[in-house]
Amino acid sequence: MNWWRRFFNGLFSKDKSLATGLILGFMAWTLMRLVDGITANGTIEYDIANTPATLADGRDGFLIRVTLTNLSADTALTNLKASIAAPTADIVFSVDPKDRSCAFEPPGWGGQPTCDAFASGFDFMAPMIVAGTHVEFEVKYTRADTATELPVVRIRPDAAKFRLVEPGFSTFVARNQVGILLALLLLAIVTLCLSVAAGVSESPARK
């Protein structure tokens, strides 16, 4: 506790205010560079999750959920196609409409998406994904007890400039850039106030 107290006292001292401001400014610049690298190039973040689930008919099975996020700053993604396929005959997808769903993040408009399941796989097509929004589709399936493989997901954007990336630090920053920058701004304001208060309190003592 004493070490942390000394650290924060030094961090917010008047003499360290300039260095602290420079560090915060560099952090904000670095984060914006990360965001620009993601949003300027047209990026689709894909997140795939497999979890145990119960099918509509009561059987034990699994649920595969795919979330696709358009991280582009201002470019809508059109005619995005994706599929889920069974790599082996040990995996069988449910064709019951209750065991599948497709959803678009509001207020984005999904149009008439393709959301079709069959025994060997699942097909999805989104007419448009607005920049900064995501779509999510899922389907339940059964798998033999001895099977170790998982369903295979394939994604095909209808634009060559879009790239596919897994969730990571840079995509987290791109999704939450407003909140992160506001937090840095608040920290900078607090640092400035503490520095000014420290300067005022030290002035009488010097006199």
Protein backbone atom coordinates (compact mmCIF):
# COMPACT_ATOMS: atom_id res chain seq x y z
CA MET A 1 0.00 0.00 0.00
CA ASN A 2 2.82 2.43 0.83
CA TRP A 3 4.44 1.77 -2.55
CA TRP A 4 1.20 2.50 -4.41
CA ARG A 5 0.62 5.63 -2.31
CA ARG A 6 4.08 6.94 -3.15
CA PHE A 7 3.55 6.07 -6.81
CA PHE A 8 0.27 7.97 -7.13
CA ASN A 9 1.58 10.90 -5.08
CA GLY A 10 4.48 11.19 -7.47
CA LEU A 11 2.28 10.69 -10.52
CA PHE A 12 -0.05 13.54 -9.56
CA SER A 13 2.58 15.89 -8.18
CA LYS A 14 3.07 19.28 -9.79
CA ASP A 15 6.53 18.41 -11.11
CA LYS A 16 5.25 15.27 -12.83
CA SER A 17 2.15 16.81 -14.43
CA LEU A 18 3.84 17.48 -17.79
CA ALA A 19 5.22 13.94 -18.04
CA THR A 20 1.84 12.48 -17.06
CA GLY A 21 0.10 14.60 -19.71
CA LEU A 22 2.59 13.48 -22.36
CA ILE A 23 2.07 9.83 -21.42
CA LEU A 24 -1.72 10.18 -21.60
CA GLY A 25 -1.43 11.98 -24.94
CA PHE A 26 0.81 9.25 -26.32
CA MET A 27 -1.63 6.58 -25.11
CA ALA A 28 -4.53 8.36 -26.84
CA TRP A 29 -2.50 8.70 -30.05
CA THR A 30 -1.53 5.01 -29.98
CA LEU A 31 -5.13 3.93 -29.43
CA MET A 32 -6.33 6.10 -32.31
CA ARG A 33 -3.69 4.58 -34.58
CA LEU A 34 -4.95 1.12 -33.65
CA VAL A 35 -8.52 2.19 -34.36
CA ASP A 36 -7.58 3.73 -37.71
CA GLY A 37 -5.79 0.53 -38.70
CA ILE A 38 -8.99 -1.41 -38.10
CA THR A 39 -11.71 0.95 -39.27
CA ALA A 40 -9.98 2.49 -42.29
CA ASN A 41 -9.30 -0.83 -44.02
CA GLY A 42 -12.72 -2.44 -43.66
CA THR A 43 -12.58 -5.20 -41.06
CA ILE A 44 -14.98 -7.95 -40.09
CA GLU A 45 -14.49 -9.38 -36.62
CA TYR A 46 -15.71 -12.95 -36.31
CA ASP A 47 -16.39 -14.64 -33.00
CA ILE A 48 -17.29 -18.35 -32.96
CA ALA A 49 -18.56 -20.12 -29.85
CA ASN A 50 -19.59 -23.75 -29.29
CA THR A 51 -21.54 -24.52 -26.13
CA PRO A 52 -23.68 -27.41 -24.83
CA ALA A 53 -27.40 -26.99 -25.48
CA THR A 54 -30.71 -28.83 -25.47
CA LEU A 55 -32.50 -29.23 -28.79
CA ALA A 56 -36.19 -28.40 -29.23
CA ASP A 57 -37.08 -32.12 -29.14
CA GLY A 58 -35.33 -32.56 -25.79
CA ARG A 59 -32.13 -34.20 -26.97
CA ASP A 60 -28.76 -33.11 -25.65
CA GLY A 61 -26.60 -31.42 -28.20
CA PHE A 62 -24.54 -28.33 -28.90
CA LEU A 63 -25.04 -24.78 -30.10
CA ILE A 64 -22.70 -22.99 -32.46
CA ARG A 65 -23.04 -19.21 -32.46
CA VAL A 66 -21.27 -16.92 -34.92
CA THR A 67 -21.07 -13.14 -34.41
CA LEU A 68 -19.87 -10.95 -37.29
CA THR A 69 -19.11 -7.29 -36.57
CA ASN A 70 -18.56 -4.69 -39.28
CA LEU A 71 -15.79 -2.56 -37.76
CA SER A 72 -15.54 -0.28 -40.78
CA ALA A 73 -15.88 3.41 -39.96
CA ASP A 74 -18.37 4.28 -42.69
CA THR A 75 -18.72 1.42 -45.18
CA ALA A 76 -21.77 -0.85 -45.11
CA LEU A 77 -21.12 -4.50 -45.86
CA THR A 78 -23.48 -5.99 -48.46
CA ASN A 79 -24.31 -9.55 -49.40
CA LEU A 80 -22.14 -11.16 -46.76
CA LYS A 81 -22.35 -14.92 -47.06
CA ALA A 82 -21.41 -17.45 -44.42
CA SER A 83 -21.90 -21.16 -43.95
CA ILE A 84 -21.47 -23.77 -41.25
CA ALA A 85 -20.56 -27.23 -42.45
CA ALA A 86 -20.14 -30.62 -40.82
CA PRO A 87 -16.63 -31.94 -41.46
CA THR A 88 -17.76 -35.50 -40.72
CA ALA A 89 -20.99 -37.50 -40.70
CA ASP A 90 -20.79 -37.58 -36.87
CA ILE A 91 -22.22 -34.04 -36.78
CA VAL A 92 -25.88 -33.56 -37.67
CA PHE A 93 -27.57 -30.16 -37.62
CA SER A 94 -31.15 -29.71 -36.51
CA VAL A 95 -33.63 -28.60 -39.17
CA ASP A 96 -36.22 -27.53 -36.57
CA PRO A 97 -36.82 -23.75 -36.94
CA LYS A 98 -36.75 -23.49 -33.13
CA ASP A 99 -33.13 -24.63 -33.11
CA ARG A 100 -31.78 -21.80 -35.25
CA SER A 101 -31.91 -18.01 -35.31
CA CYS A 102 -30.47 -14.99 -37.11
CA ALA A 103 -30.43 -11.50 -35.60
CA PHE A 104 -29.22 -8.03 -36.60
CA GLU A 105 -28.11 -5.40 -34.12
CA PRO A 106 -30.70 -2.60 -34.03
CA PRO A 107 -31.20 -0.08 -35.49
CA GLY A 108 -29.49 -1.72 -38.46
CA TRP A 109 -31.87 -3.08 -41.08
CA GLY A 110 -31.40 -6.73 -42.01
CA GLY A 111 -33.56 -6.90 -45.12
CA GLN A 112 -34.42 -10.46 -46.08
CA PRO A 113 -31.53 -12.57 -44.79
CA THR A 114 -30.93 -16.21 -45.62
CA CYS A 115 -31.13 -18.33 -42.49
CA ASP A 116 -31.44 -21.94 -43.65
CA ALA A 117 -30.44 -25.10 -41.83
CA PHE A 118 -30.12 -28.60 -43.20
CA ALA A 119 -28.71 -31.84 -41.82
CA SER A 120 -25.18 -31.27 -43.10
CA GLY A 121 -24.88 -27.55 -42.51
CA PHE A 122 -26.28 -24.05 -42.31
CA ASP A 123 -26.39 -21.15 -44.79
CA PHE A 124 -26.51 -17.46 -43.91
CA MET A 125 -26.61 -14.34 -46.08
CA ALA A 126 -26.96 -10.74 -44.91
CA PRO A 127 -28.14 -8.21 -47.53
CA MET A 128 -26.49 -5.38 -45.56
CA ILE A 129 -24.57 -4.91 -42.32
CA VAL A 130 -24.38 -1.25 -41.33
CA ALA A 131 -20.94 0.05 -40.30
CA GLY A 132 -20.37 -0.39 -36.59
CA THR A 133 -23.07 -3.03 -36.10
CA HIS A 134 -23.05 -6.80 -35.87
CA VAL A 135 -25.10 -9.80 -36.92
CA GLU A 136 -25.45 -13.06 -35.07
CA PHE A 137 -26.62 -16.46 -36.22
CA GLU A 138 -26.73 -19.79 -34.45
CA VAL A 139 -27.86 -23.35 -34.96
CA LYS A 140 -28.00 -26.43 -32.75
CA TYR A 141 -26.54 -29.79 -33.67
CA THR A 142 -25.82 -33.24 -32.31
CA ARG A 143 -22.47 -34.96 -32.31
CA ALA A 144 -21.40 -38.53 -31.71
CA ASP A 145 -19.79 -39.14 -28.32
CA THR A 146 -16.58 -40.24 -30.02
CA ALA A 147 -16.41 -37.21 -32.31
CA THR A 148 -13.74 -34.59 -31.58
CA GLU A 149 -14.09 -32.26 -34.56
CA LEU A 150 -16.22 -29.12 -34.55
CA PRO A 151 -18.36 -27.58 -37.29
CA VAL A 152 -16.44 -25.54 -39.85
CA VAL A 153 -17.39 -21.89 -40.42
CA ARG A 154 -16.70 -20.21 -43.76
CA ILE A 155 -17.21 -16.49 -44.38
CA ARG A 156 -17.22 -14.76 -47.75
CA PRO A 157 -17.55 -10.95 -47.89
CA ASP A 158 -18.86 -9.49 -51.14
CA ALA A 159 -15.98 -7.01 -51.26
CA ALA A 160 -12.29 -7.67 -51.75
CA LYS A 161 -11.17 -4.89 -49.42
CA PHE A 162 -12.71 -6.40 -46.29
CA ARG A 163 -10.54 -8.60 -44.12
CA LEU A 164 -11.45 -11.11 -41.43
CA VAL A 165 -9.94 -10.93 -37.94
CA GLU A 166 -10.52 -12.71 -34.65
CA PRO A 167 -11.40 -10.78 -31.48
CA GLY A 168 -8.34 -9.16 -29.93
CA PHE A 169 -7.02 -6.04 -28.26
CA SER A 170 -7.16 -3.89 -31.40
CA THR A 171 -10.76 -4.87 -32.20
CA PHE A 172 -11.72 -4.30 -28.55
CA VAL A 173 -10.31 -0.78 -28.78
CA ALA A 174 -12.13 -0.18 -32.08
CA ARG A 175 -15.47 -1.22 -30.56
CA ASN A 176 -14.99 0.82 -27.38
CA GLN A 177 -12.93 3.78 -28.63
CA VAL A 178 -15.40 6.42 -27.39
CA GLY A 179 -15.47 5.08 -23.83
CA ILE A 180 -11.69 4.62 -23.70
CA LEU A 181 -10.97 8.13 -24.98
CA LEU A 182 -13.46 9.62 -22.53
CA ALA A 183 -11.77 7.72 -19.69
CA LEU A 184 -8.36 9.08 -20.76
CA LEU A 185 -9.80 12.59 -20.99
CA LEU A 186 -11.27 12.28 -17.49
CA LEU A 187 -7.95 11.00 -16.16
CA ALA A 188 -6.14 13.92 -17.80
CA ILE A 189 -8.57 16.41 -16.22
CA VAL A 190 -8.16 14.81 -12.78
CA THR A 191 -4.38 14.91 -13.17
CA LEU A 192 -4.50 18.59 -14.14
CA CYS A 193 -6.75 19.48 -11.19
CA LEU A 194 -4.52 17.64 -8.71
CA SER A 195 -1.45 19.28 -10.17
CA VAL A 196 -2.98 22.76 -9.90
CA ALA A 197 -4.14 22.04 -6.33
CA ALA A 198 -0.65 20.84 -5.39
CA GLY A 199 0.86 24.01 -6.84
CA VAL A 200 -1.55 26.23 -4.92
CA SER A 201 -0.92 24.41 -1.63
CA GLU A 202 2.84 24.68 -2.04
CA SER A 203 2.87 28.44 -2.74
CA PRO A 204 2.16 29.68 0.86
CA ALA A 205 4.75 27.29 2.27
CA ARG A 206 7.45 28.74 0.02
CA LYS A 207 6.55 32.26 1.06
